[in-house]
Amino acid sequence: MAHHVRVGDQGWFVVVNPASGGGTAARRWPLLARELGRRGLRFRAVETASPGHAAVLARDAVEAGARRLLAVGGDGTLHELVNGLRAQDRVPSADVTVAAAPQGSGNDWARTHGMPRDPARLAGAMAAGATRPLDLGLATCVAADGSGPRTAAFHNAAGAGLDAAVVRATSARGPRTIAYAVALVRALARFRAPGFTVTAAGQCRDAHLLTVIAAIGPDCGGGMRLAPGARPDDGLLELVTVADLPLVRALALAPGLWSGRAAADPAFHRLRCDRARITSAPACEVEADGQLIGRTPLEVAIVPGGLTALDCRPARGN
């Protein structure tokens, strides 16, 4: 059902991750393709074949002339797509429009920005073509194989500590929220808070912490509202730290993570900054947009307006 687009045609290049959402993306993509066709939108769709493939597809597409990219999947698929966009140096990242069809197990970015799950509504927004600038994050840490530093872009959040341990423990099966909640309980039971040193906004803090998260948007982990004050277009990160807690208290706070109530607990500390350096002893894993990318030390920075996104907000006056 793919429309083949000539280089420079300015149609949409669509990356479909058939494994996203336990196969949901593969089942629902034909519905969106049909809606795009009804609106006369040109597009070319390619399915990913393996982890990391979306990044390669996006990079090659932009180098070949694509200027509008759509990820059909979850935050992991979008993470790869954005990193593929940044992997090429022919076109500034902000000159390419990015959108997401939220069909994965975790859709935090799409939820924050109102990307419709309904195929007809999303196709309508794509036809309207409105865009908005959003911030992009950069996370530099030690590569997972220990080969040296690596930098990954993140569109939503990056962190070190318990959040990365939960990512490792999260099952790929079932709804993301349930899978993440189960993994959170399991990880809490065996996680030992490292001694962190967090340097940001002229402050330096040494403490045993469960996690340190640099957030662009308010939600992560399939809807957990850890950074309710985060604004994705203000040029700042919301740096969230969570104090080391007894297991019983941590478990008691867990249900409030999804409603945002837990973020008001004194164990949560938030700081607005444009960059931060995070070290830990012992070293711990680092995740970005729910993808494991390496180990501490971690440096994060914001790129104001580094991403151009499809604007799905209602038109003014409507």
C-alpha atoms as a PDB file:
ATOM      1  CA  MET A   1       0.000   0.000   0.000  1.00  0.00           C
ATOM      2  CA  ALA A   2       3.052   2.244  -0.240  1.00  0.00           C
ATOM      3  CA  HIS A   3       3.143   5.118  -2.686  1.00  0.00           C
ATOM      4  CA  HIS A   4       6.654   5.415  -4.101  1.00  0.00           C
ATOM      5  CA  VAL A   5       7.872   8.983  -3.865  1.00  0.00           C
ATOM      6  CA  ARG A   6      10.526  10.499  -6.089  1.00  0.00           C
ATOM      7  CA  VAL A   7      13.515  12.263  -4.516  1.00  0.00           C
ATOM      8  CA  GLY A   8      12.506  15.820  -3.753  1.00  0.00           C
ATOM      9  CA  ASP A   9       8.802  14.991  -4.107  1.00  0.00           C
ATOM     10  CA  GLN A  10       8.193  16.250  -0.558  1.00  0.00           C
ATOM     11  CA  GLY A  11       5.818  13.438   0.290  1.00  0.00           C
ATOM     12  CA  TRP A  12       5.874  11.644   3.636  1.00  0.00           C
ATOM     13  CA  PHE A  13       8.456   8.960   4.327  1.00  0.00           C
ATOM     14  CA  VAL A  14       6.810   6.475   6.683  1.00  0.00           C
ATOM     15  CA  VAL A  15       8.756   4.101   8.911  1.00  0.00           C
ATOM     16  CA  VAL A  16       6.522   1.263  10.108  1.00  0.00           C
ATOM     17  CA  ASN A  17       7.727  -0.890  12.982  1.00  0.00           C
ATOM     18  CA  PRO A  18       5.579  -4.024  12.583  1.00  0.00           C
ATOM     19  CA  ALA A  19       6.603  -5.285  16.031  1.00  0.00           C
ATOM     20  CA  SER A  20       5.418  -2.161  17.891  1.00  0.00           C
ATOM     21  CA  GLY A  21       2.544  -2.620  20.286  1.00  0.00           C
ATOM     22  CA  GLY A  22       2.747  -6.393  19.955  1.00  0.00           C
ATOM     23  CA  GLY A  23       1.890  -6.132  16.269  1.00  0.00           C
ATOM     24  CA  THR A  24      -0.622  -3.294  16.611  1.00  0.00           C
ATOM     25  CA  ALA A  25       1.377  -1.043  14.294  1.00  0.00           C
ATOM     26  CA  ALA A  26       1.393  -3.639  11.538  1.00  0.00           C
ATOM     27  CA  ARG A  27      -2.363  -4.207  11.870  1.00  0.00           C
ATOM     28  CA  ARG A  28      -3.343  -0.531  11.949  1.00  0.00           C
ATOM     29  CA  TRP A  29      -0.931   0.935   9.415  1.00  0.00           C
ATOM     30  CA  PRO A  30      -3.109  -0.106   6.410  1.00  0.00           C
ATOM     31  CA  LEU A  31      -5.981   1.933   7.894  1.00  0.00           C
ATOM     32  CA  LEU A  32      -3.795   5.039   8.041  1.00  0.00           C
ATOM     33  CA  ALA A  33      -2.404   4.364   4.570  1.00  0.00           C
ATOM     34  CA  ARG A  34      -5.938   4.274   3.210  1.00  0.00           C
ATOM     35  CA  GLU A  35      -6.784   7.580   4.901  1.00  0.00           C
ATOM     36  CA  LEU A  36      -3.642   9.201   3.503  1.00  0.00           C
ATOM     37  CA  GLY A  37      -4.594   8.001   0.043  1.00  0.00           C
ATOM     38  CA  ARG A  38      -8.094   9.428   0.389  1.00  0.00           C
ATOM     39  CA  ARG A  39      -6.581  12.840   1.033  1.00  0.00           C
ATOM     40  CA  GLY A  40      -4.223  12.604  -1.908  1.00  0.00           C
ATOM     41  CA  LEU A  41      -1.131  12.615   0.312  1.00  0.00           C
ATOM     42  CA  ARG A  42       1.938  11.131  -1.307  1.00  0.00           C
ATOM     43  CA  PHE A  43       3.986   8.769   0.829  1.00  0.00           C
ATOM     44  CA  ARG A  44       6.412   5.913   0.787  1.00  0.00           C
ATOM     45  CA  ALA A  45       6.285   3.343   3.583  1.00  0.00           C
ATOM     46  CA  VAL A  46       9.027   0.930   4.627  1.00  0.00           C
ATOM     47  CA  GLU A  47       8.858  -1.635   7.419  1.00  0.00           C
ATOM     48  CA  THR A  48      11.710  -2.067   9.863  1.00  0.00           C
ATOM     49  CA  ALA A  49      13.380  -5.450   9.922  1.00  0.00           C
ATOM     50  CA  SER A  50      15.454  -5.267  13.112  1.00  0.00           C
ATOM     51  CA  PRO A  51      16.380  -3.011  16.047  1.00  0.00           C
ATOM     52  CA  GLY A  52      18.176   0.082  14.781  1.00  0.00           C
ATOM     53  CA  HIS A  53      16.731  -0.218  11.280  1.00  0.00           C
ATOM     54  CA  ALA A  54      14.441   2.806  11.684  1.00  0.00           C
ATOM     55  CA  ALA A  55      17.481   5.034  12.197  1.00  0.00           C
ATOM     56  CA  VAL A  56      19.100   3.789   8.996  1.00  0.00           C
ATOM     57  CA  LEU A  57      15.883   4.212   7.027  1.00  0.00           C
ATOM     58  CA  ALA A  58      15.339   7.760   8.281  1.00  0.00           C
ATOM     59  CA  ARG A  59      18.930   8.802   7.617  1.00  0.00           C
ATOM     60  CA  ASP A  60      18.886   7.432   4.080  1.00  0.00           C
ATOM     61  CA  ALA A  61      15.477   8.938   3.341  1.00  0.00           C
ATOM     62  CA  VAL A  62      16.536  12.446   4.365  1.00  0.00           C
ATOM     63  CA  GLU A  63      19.741  12.152   2.370  1.00  0.00           C
ATOM     64  CA  ALA A  64      17.573  11.170  -0.610  1.00  0.00           C
ATOM     65  CA  GLY A  65      15.348  14.223  -0.263  1.00  0.00           C
ATOM     66  CA  ALA A  66      12.632  13.364   2.284  1.00  0.00           C
ATOM     67  CA  ARG A  67      11.583  16.297   4.441  1.00  0.00           C
ATOM     68  CA  ARG A  68       8.628  14.768   6.282  1.00  0.00           C
ATOM     69  CA  LEU A  69       9.051  11.662   8.431  1.00  0.00           C
ATOM     70  CA  LEU A  70       6.344   9.624  10.158  1.00  0.00           C
ATOM     71  CA  ALA A  71       7.055   6.903  12.717  1.00  0.00           C
ATOM     72  CA  VAL A  72       4.336   4.268  12.985  1.00  0.00           C
ATOM     73  CA  GLY A  73       5.067   2.697  16.354  1.00  0.00           C
ATOM     74  CA  GLY A  74       5.965   3.844  19.839  1.00  0.00           C
ATOM     75  CA  ASP A  75       8.592   5.991  21.503  1.00  0.00           C
ATOM     76  CA  GLY A  76      11.313   3.493  20.636  1.00  0.00           C
ATOM     77  CA  THR A  77      10.575   3.735  16.923  1.00  0.00           C
ATOM     78  CA  LEU A  78      10.472   7.528  17.117  1.00  0.00           C
ATOM     79  CA  HIS A  79      13.740   7.549  19.080  1.00  0.00           C
ATOM     80  CA  GLU A  80      15.442   5.661  16.269  1.00  0.00           C
ATOM     81  CA  LEU A  81      13.872   7.851  13.602  1.00  0.00           C
ATOM     82  CA  VAL A  82      15.052  11.061  15.297  1.00  0.00           C
ATOM     83  CA  ASN A  83      18.554   9.679  15.745  1.00  0.00           C
ATOM     84  CA  GLY A  84      18.633   8.669  12.101  1.00  0.00           C
ATOM     85  CA  LEU A  85      17.623  12.201  11.191  1.00  0.00           C
ATOM     86  CA  ARG A  86      20.522  13.575  13.215  1.00  0.00           C
ATOM     87  CA  ALA A  87      22.957  11.028  11.789  1.00  0.00           C
ATOM     88  CA  GLN A  88      22.979  12.808   8.423  1.00  0.00           C
ATOM     89  CA  ASP A  89      24.618  16.187   7.897  1.00  0.00           C
ATOM     90  CA  ARG A  90      23.054  17.341   4.647  1.00  0.00           C
ATOM     91  CA  VAL A  91      19.966  18.949   6.150  1.00  0.00           C
ATOM     92  CA  PRO A  92      19.508  20.623   9.562  1.00  0.00           C
ATOM     93  CA  SER A  93      17.278  18.458  11.731  1.00  0.00           C
ATOM     94  CA  ALA A  94      14.873  21.338  12.296  1.00  0.00           C
ATOM     95  CA  ASP A  95      14.235  21.536   8.519  1.00  0.00           C
ATOM     96  CA  VAL A  96      12.541  18.115   8.584  1.00  0.00           C
ATOM     97  CA  THR A  97       9.021  17.623   9.966  1.00  0.00           C
ATOM     98  CA  VAL A  98       8.573  14.661  12.305  1.00  0.00           C
ATOM     99  CA  ALA A  99       5.315  13.000  13.321  1.00  0.00           C
ATOM    100  CA  ALA A 100       4.226   9.833  15.089  1.00  0.00           C
ATOM    101  CA  ALA A 101       1.309   7.479  14.646  1.00  0.00           C
ATOM    102  CA  PRO A 102       0.997   6.212  18.243  1.00  0.00           C
ATOM    103  CA  GLN A 103       0.674   2.470  17.734  1.00  0.00           C
ATOM    104  CA  GLY A 104       3.379   1.264  20.099  1.00  0.00           C
ATOM    105  CA  SER A 105       3.359   0.032  23.664  1.00  0.00           C
ATOM    106  CA  GLY A 106       4.663   3.384  24.908  1.00  0.00           C
ATOM    107  CA  ASN A 107       3.472   6.602  23.245  1.00  0.00           C
ATOM    108  CA  ASP A 108       4.462   9.340  25.677  1.00  0.00           C
ATOM    109  CA  TRP A 109       5.641  11.874  23.088  1.00  0.00           C
ATOM    110  CA  ALA A 110       2.612  11.380  20.866  1.00  0.00           C
ATOM    111  CA  ARG A 111       0.292  11.688  23.874  1.00  0.00           C
ATOM    112  CA  THR A 112       1.955  14.910  25.033  1.00  0.00           C
ATOM    113  CA  HIS A 113       1.614  16.473  21.603  1.00  0.00           C
ATOM    114  CA  GLY A 114      -1.862  15.222  20.777  1.00  0.00           C
ATOM    115  CA  MET A 115      -0.847  12.987  17.879  1.00  0.00           C
ATOM    116  CA  PRO A 116      -4.159  11.234  17.124  1.00  0.00           C
ATOM    117  CA  ARG A 117      -4.370   7.474  17.353  1.00  0.00           C
ATOM    118  CA  ASP A 118      -7.386   7.584  15.051  1.00  0.00           C
ATOM    119  CA  PRO A 119      -6.157   7.180  11.439  1.00  0.00           C
ATOM    120  CA  ALA A 120      -8.635   9.668   9.948  1.00  0.00           C
ATOM    121  CA  ARG A 121      -7.751  12.400  12.429  1.00  0.00           C
ATOM    122  CA  LEU A 122      -4.010  11.886  12.019  1.00  0.00           C
ATOM    123  CA  ALA A 123      -4.303  11.915   8.232  1.00  0.00           C
ATOM    124  CA  GLY A 124      -6.286  15.127   8.510  1.00  0.00           C
ATOM    125  CA  ALA A 125      -3.528  16.748  10.566  1.00  0.00           C
ATOM    126  CA  MET A 126      -0.914  15.565   8.083  1.00  0.00           C
ATOM    127  CA  ALA A 127      -2.948  17.041   5.238  1.00  0.00           C
ATOM    128  CA  ALA A 128      -3.228  20.362   7.084  1.00  0.00           C
ATOM    129  CA  GLY A 129       0.548  20.358   7.440  1.00  0.00           C
ATOM    130  CA  ALA A 130       0.887  22.742  10.403  1.00  0.00           C
ATOM    131  CA  THR A 131       4.174  22.442  12.273  1.00  0.00           C
ATOM    132  CA  ARG A 132       5.671  23.647  15.537  1.00  0.00           C
ATOM    133  CA  PRO A 133       9.235  23.814  16.916  1.00  0.00           C
ATOM    134  CA  LEU A 134      10.020  21.555  19.871  1.00  0.00           C
ATOM    135  CA  ASP A 135      13.110  21.073  21.975  1.00  0.00           C
ATOM    136  CA  LEU A 136      15.428  18.123  21.514  1.00  0.00           C
ATOM    137  CA  GLY A 137      17.771  16.595  24.067  1.00  0.00           C
ATOM    138  CA  LEU A 138      21.279  15.185  23.710  1.00  0.00           C
ATOM    139  CA  ALA A 139      22.572  12.499  26.055  1.00  0.00           C
ATOM    140  CA  THR A 140      26.277  11.611  26.122  1.00  0.00           C
ATOM    141  CA  CYS A 141      27.385   8.594  28.129  1.00  0.00           C
ATOM    142  CA  VAL A 142      29.717   5.616  28.033  1.00  0.00           C
ATOM    143  CA  ALA A 143      28.653   3.221  25.274  1.00  0.00           C
ATOM    144  CA  ALA A 144      27.147  -0.042  26.458  1.00  0.00           C
ATOM    145  CA  ASP A 145      30.104  -2.009  25.091  1.00  0.00           C
ATOM    146  CA  GLY A 146      32.566   0.256  26.917  1.00  0.00           C
ATOM    147  CA  SER A 147      34.088   1.433  23.642  1.00  0.00           C
ATOM    148  CA  GLY A 148      33.953   5.111  24.592  1.00  0.00           C
ATOM    149  CA  PRO A 149      31.486   7.996  24.710  1.00  0.00           C
ATOM    150  CA  ARG A 150      28.374   8.018  22.556  1.00  0.00           C
ATOM    151  CA  THR A 151      25.746  10.693  22.055  1.00  0.00           C
ATOM    152  CA  ALA A 152      22.094   9.939  21.457  1.00  0.00           C
ATOM    153  CA  ALA A 153      19.300  12.397  20.813  1.00  0.00           C
ATOM    154  CA  PHE A 154      16.172  12.081  22.930  1.00  0.00           C
ATOM    155  CA  HIS A 155      12.784  13.563  22.159  1.00  0.00           C
ATOM    156  CA  ASN A 156      11.219  13.015  25.575  1.00  0.00           C
ATOM    157  CA  ALA A 157      13.460  11.994  28.481  1.00  0.00           C
ATOM    158  CA  ALA A 158      16.776  10.449  29.421  1.00  0.00           C
ATOM    159  CA  GLY A 159      17.896   9.161  32.780  1.00  0.00           C
ATOM    160  CA  ALA A 160      20.168   6.993  34.882  1.00  0.00           C
ATOM    161  CA  GLY A 161      19.481   4.574  37.709  1.00  0.00           C
ATOM    162  CA  LEU A 162      16.175   2.920  38.509  1.00  0.00           C
ATOM    163  CA  ASP A 163      14.442   4.079  35.317  1.00  0.00           C
ATOM    164  CA  ALA A 164      17.062   2.272  33.220  1.00  0.00           C
ATOM    165  CA  ALA A 165      16.801  -0.806  35.441  1.00  0.00           C
ATOM    166  CA  VAL A 166      13.040  -0.802  34.873  1.00  0.00           C
ATOM    167  CA  VAL A 167      13.546  -0.528  31.108  1.00  0.00           C
ATOM    168  CA  ARG A 168      15.791  -3.588  31.230  1.00  0.00           C
ATOM    169  CA  ALA A 169      13.203  -5.496  33.275  1.00  0.00           C
ATOM    170  CA  THR A 170      10.152  -4.465  31.219  1.00  0.00           C
ATOM    171  CA  SER A 171       8.596  -7.193  29.127  1.00  0.00           C
ATOM    172  CA  ALA A 172       7.996  -6.442  25.474  1.00  0.00           C
ATOM    173  CA  ARG A 173       4.643  -8.205  25.747  1.00  0.00           C
ATOM    174  CA  GLY A 174       1.369  -6.709  26.852  1.00  0.00           C
ATOM    175  CA  PRO A 175       0.295  -3.107  27.460  1.00  0.00           C
ATOM    176  CA  ARG A 176       3.244  -0.866  28.291  1.00  0.00           C
ATOM    177  CA  THR A 177       1.679   0.586  31.437  1.00  0.00           C
ATOM    178  CA  ILE A 178       1.074  -2.855  32.969  1.00  0.00           C
ATOM    179  CA  ALA A 179       4.433  -4.227  31.863  1.00  0.00           C
ATOM    180  CA  TYR A 180       6.213  -1.165  33.233  1.00  0.00           C
ATOM    181  CA  ALA A 181       4.370  -1.319  36.551  1.00  0.00           C
ATOM    182  CA  VAL A 182       5.323  -4.977  37.022  1.00  0.00           C
ATOM    183  CA  ALA A 183       8.937  -4.240  36.082  1.00  0.00           C
ATOM    184  CA  LEU A 184       9.004  -1.271  38.477  1.00  0.00           C
ATOM    185  CA  VAL A 185       8.014  -3.421  41.439  1.00  0.00           C
ATOM    186  CA  ARG A 186      10.563  -6.083  40.519  1.00  0.00           C
ATOM    187  CA  ALA A 187      13.349  -3.561  39.979  1.00  0.00           C
ATOM    188  CA  LEU A 188      12.601  -1.726  43.235  1.00  0.00           C
ATOM    189  CA  ALA A 189      12.953  -4.963  45.174  1.00  0.00           C
ATOM    190  CA  ARG A 190      16.534  -5.511  44.039  1.00  0.00           C
ATOM    191  CA  PHE A 191      17.821  -2.053  43.080  1.00  0.00           C
ATOM    192  CA  ARG A 192      20.501  -0.475  45.259  1.00  0.00           C
ATOM    193  CA  ALA A 193      20.685   3.305  44.966  1.00  0.00           C
ATOM    194  CA  PRO A 194      24.102   4.453  43.741  1.00  0.00           C
ATOM    195  CA  GLY A 195      25.855   7.499  45.098  1.00  0.00           C
ATOM    196  CA  PHE A 196      25.129  10.213  42.533  1.00  0.00           C
ATOM    197  CA  THR A 197      26.805  13.538  41.922  1.00  0.00           C
ATOM    198  CA  VAL A 198      24.510  15.828  39.935  1.00  0.00           C
ATOM    199  CA  THR A 199      25.842  19.138  38.650  1.00  0.00           C
ATOM    200  CA  ALA A 200      23.372  21.568  37.038  1.00  0.00           C
ATOM    201  CA  ALA A 201      22.392  25.239  37.096  1.00  0.00           C
ATOM    202  CA  GLY A 202      25.398  26.156  39.203  1.00  0.00           C
ATOM    203  CA  GLN A 203      24.506  23.585  41.862  1.00  0.00           C
ATOM    204  CA  CYS A 204      26.242  20.343  42.823  1.00  0.00           C
ATOM    205  CA  ARG A 205      24.404  17.665  44.768  1.00  0.00           C
ATOM    206  CA  ASP A 206      25.829  14.451  46.231  1.00  0.00           C
ATOM    207  CA  ALA A 207      23.301  11.887  47.395  1.00  0.00           C
ATOM    208  CA  HIS A 208      22.167   8.295  47.130  1.00  0.00           C
ATOM    209  CA  LEU A 209      19.316   8.457  44.618  1.00  0.00           C
ATOM    210  CA  LEU A 210      16.977   5.990  42.999  1.00  0.00           C
ATOM    211  CA  THR A 211      17.045   7.832  39.688  1.00  0.00           C
ATOM    212  CA  VAL A 212      17.952  11.027  37.870  1.00  0.00           C
ATOM    213  CA  ILE A 213      15.821  11.941  34.848  1.00  0.00           C
ATOM    214  CA  ALA A 214      16.224  14.832  32.407  1.00  0.00           C
ATOM    215  CA  ALA A 215      12.758  15.468  30.982  1.00  0.00           C
ATOM    216  CA  ILE A 216      11.610  17.484  28.000  1.00  0.00           C
ATOM    217  CA  GLY A 217       7.990  16.380  28.338  1.00  0.00           C
ATOM    218  CA  PRO A 218       5.926  15.651  31.452  1.00  0.00           C
ATOM    219  CA  ASP A 219       5.345  11.906  30.926  1.00  0.00           C
ATOM    220  CA  CYS A 220       7.578   8.874  30.529  1.00  0.00           C
ATOM    221  CA  GLY A 221       7.380   5.124  31.040  1.00  0.00           C
ATOM    222  CA  GLY A 222       4.014   4.730  29.375  1.00  0.00           C
ATOM    223  CA  GLY A 223       2.211   7.613  31.044  1.00  0.00           C
ATOM    224  CA  MET A 224       4.021   8.154  34.342  1.00  0.00           C
ATOM    225  CA  ARG A 225       3.839  11.881  35.142  1.00  0.00           C
ATOM    226  CA  LEU A 226       7.269  12.381  36.677  1.00  0.00           C
ATOM    227  CA  ALA A 227       7.931  15.916  35.420  1.00  0.00           C
ATOM    228  CA  PRO A 228       4.586  17.730  35.493  1.00  0.00           C
ATOM    229  CA  GLY A 229       6.265  21.109  35.035  1.00  0.00           C
ATOM    230  CA  ALA A 230       8.226  20.157  31.931  1.00  0.00           C
ATOM    231  CA  ARG A 231       7.452  22.198  28.816  1.00  0.00           C
ATOM    232  CA  PRO A 232       8.665  20.791  25.485  1.00  0.00           C
ATOM    233  CA  ASP A 233       9.280  24.162  23.851  1.00  0.00           C
ATOM    234  CA  ASP A 234      10.815  26.377  26.564  1.00  0.00           C
ATOM    235  CA  GLY A 235      14.493  25.574  25.966  1.00  0.00           C
ATOM    236  CA  LEU A 236      14.905  23.906  29.365  1.00  0.00           C
ATOM    237  CA  LEU A 237      15.118  20.435  30.842  1.00  0.00           C
ATOM    238  CA  GLU A 238      13.300  19.489  34.018  1.00  0.00           C
ATOM    239  CA  LEU A 239      15.872  17.533  36.014  1.00  0.00           C
ATOM    240  CA  VAL A 240      14.069  15.156  38.369  1.00  0.00           C
ATOM    241  CA  THR A 241      15.848  13.286  41.157  1.00  0.00           C
ATOM    242  CA  VAL A 242      14.224  10.736  43.446  1.00  0.00           C
ATOM    243  CA  ALA A 243      15.752  10.121  46.875  1.00  0.00           C
ATOM    244  CA  ASP A 244      16.653   6.648  48.058  1.00  0.00           C
ATOM    245  CA  LEU A 245      13.579   5.303  49.841  1.00  0.00           C
ATOM    246  CA  PRO A 246      12.753   2.242  51.909  1.00  0.00           C
ATOM    247  CA  LEU A 247      11.076  -0.364  49.748  1.00  0.00           C
ATOM    248  CA  VAL A 248       7.734  -0.114  51.564  1.00  0.00           C
ATOM    249  CA  ARG A 249       7.552   3.660  51.062  1.00  0.00           C
ATOM    250  CA  ALA A 250       8.660   3.418  47.425  1.00  0.00           C
ATOM    251  CA  LEU A 251       5.952   0.853  46.724  1.00  0.00           C
ATOM    252  CA  ALA A 252       3.374   3.057  48.444  1.00  0.00           C
ATOM    253  CA  LEU A 253       4.314   5.955  46.160  1.00  0.00           C
ATOM    254  CA  ALA A 254       4.263   3.861  42.979  1.00  0.00           C
ATOM    255  CA  PRO A 255       0.515   4.107  42.192  1.00  0.00           C
ATOM    256  CA  GLY A 256       0.756   7.903  42.247  1.00  0.00           C
ATOM    257  CA  LEU A 257       3.394   7.933  39.512  1.00  0.00           C
ATOM    258  CA  TRP A 258       0.748   7.761  36.799  1.00  0.00           C
ATOM    259  CA  SER A 259      -1.552  10.404  38.272  1.00  0.00           C
ATOM    260  CA  GLY A 260       1.279  12.821  39.041  1.00  0.00           C
ATOM    261  CA  ARG A 261       0.577  12.749  42.790  1.00  0.00           C
ATOM    262  CA  ALA A 262       3.908  11.087  43.575  1.00  0.00           C
ATOM    263  CA  ALA A 263       5.837  13.940  41.977  1.00  0.00           C
ATOM    264  CA  ALA A 264       4.646  16.205  44.811  1.00  0.00           C
ATOM    265  CA  ASP A 265       6.292  13.989  47.441  1.00  0.00           C
ATOM    266  CA  PRO A 266       9.390  15.469  49.172  1.00  0.00           C
ATOM    267  CA  ALA A 267      11.431  12.553  47.806  1.00  0.00           C
ATOM    268  CA  PHE A 268      11.115  14.130  44.363  1.00  0.00           C
ATOM    269  CA  HIS A 269      13.299  17.136  43.616  1.00  0.00           C
ATOM    270  CA  ARG A 270      13.073  19.168  40.420  1.00  0.00           C
ATOM    271  CA  LEU A 271      15.469  21.675  38.899  1.00  0.00           C
ATOM    272  CA  ARG A 272      15.188  23.623  35.639  1.00  0.00           C
ATOM    273  CA  CYS A 273      18.390  23.684  33.605  1.00  0.00           C
ATOM    274  CA  ASP A 274      19.719  23.621  30.065  1.00  0.00           C
ATOM    275  CA  ARG A 275      22.431  21.045  30.774  1.00  0.00           C
ATOM    276  CA  ALA A 276      23.585  18.709  33.541  1.00  0.00           C
ATOM    277  CA  ARG A 277      26.367  16.278  34.370  1.00  0.00           C
ATOM    278  CA  ILE A 278      25.472  13.088  36.246  1.00  0.00           C
ATOM    279  CA  THR A 279      28.016  10.670  37.694  1.00  0.00           C
ATOM    280  CA  SER A 280      27.449   7.680  39.930  1.00  0.00           C
ATOM    281  CA  ALA A 281      29.363   5.172  42.024  1.00  0.00           C
ATOM    282  CA  PRO A 282      29.003   2.462  41.063  1.00  0.00           C
ATOM    283  CA  ALA A 283      28.268   3.210  37.411  1.00  0.00           C
ATOM    284  CA  CYS A 284      24.679   2.513  36.383  1.00  0.00           C
ATOM    285  CA  GLU A 285      22.762   2.122  33.160  1.00  0.00           C
ATOM    286  CA  VAL A 286      21.401   5.031  31.127  1.00  0.00           C
ATOM    287  CA  GLU A 287      18.217   5.120  29.061  1.00  0.00           C
ATOM    288  CA  ALA A 288      16.880   7.602  26.533  1.00  0.00           C
ATOM    289  CA  ASP A 289      13.210   7.486  25.479  1.00  0.00           C
ATOM    290  CA  GLY A 290      12.986   4.021  27.005  1.00  0.00           C
ATOM    291  CA  GLN A 291      16.007   2.694  25.098  1.00  0.00           C
ATOM    292  CA  LEU A 292      19.160   1.559  26.902  1.00  0.00           C
ATOM    293  CA  ILE A 293      22.079   3.546  25.494  1.00  0.00           C
ATOM    294  CA  GLY A 294      25.009   3.012  27.883  1.00  0.00           C
ATOM    295  CA  ARG A 295      26.297   3.778  31.365  1.00  0.00           C
ATOM    296  CA  THR A 296      27.196   6.748  33.533  1.00  0.00           C
ATOM    297  CA  PRO A 297      28.783   9.258  33.562  1.00  0.00           C
ATOM    298  CA  LEU A 298      26.005  11.014  31.688  1.00  0.00           C
ATOM    299  CA  GLU A 299      25.840  14.527  30.290  1.00  0.00           C
ATOM    300  CA  VAL A 300      22.541  15.921  29.051  1.00  0.00           C
ATOM    301  CA  ALA A 301      21.834  19.137  27.168  1.00  0.00           C
ATOM    302  CA  ILE A 302      18.859  20.756  25.481  1.00  0.00           C
ATOM    303  CA  VAL A 303      18.756  21.952  21.881  1.00  0.00           C
ATOM    304  CA  PRO A 304      16.028  24.635  21.804  1.00  0.00           C
ATOM    305  CA  GLY A 305      13.826  24.202  18.752  1.00  0.00           C
ATOM    306  CA  GLY A 306      15.966  21.296  17.616  1.00  0.00           C
ATOM    307  CA  LEU A 307      12.978  19.348  16.317  1.00  0.00           C
ATOM    308  CA  THR A 308      10.125  20.385  14.041  1.00  0.00           C
ATOM    309  CA  ALA A 309       6.946  18.423  14.700  1.00  0.00           C
ATOM    310  CA  LEU A 310       3.573  18.083  13.083  1.00  0.00           C
ATOM    311  CA  ASP A 311       1.245  20.395  14.991  1.00  0.00           C
ATOM    312  CA  CYS A 312      -1.933  18.510  15.867  1.00  0.00           C
ATOM    313  CA  ARG A 313      -3.360  21.137  18.201  1.00  0.00           C
ATOM    314  CA  PRO A 314      -6.804  22.486  17.245  1.00  0.00           C
ATOM    315  CA  ALA A 315      -6.651  25.589  15.082  1.00  0.00           C
ATOM    316  CA  ARG A 316      -7.176  28.809  16.979  1.00  0.00           C
ATOM    317  CA  GLY A 317     -10.789  29.824  17.112  1.00  0.00           C
ATOM    318  CA  ASN A 318     -12.005  26.238  16.920  1.00  0.00           C
END
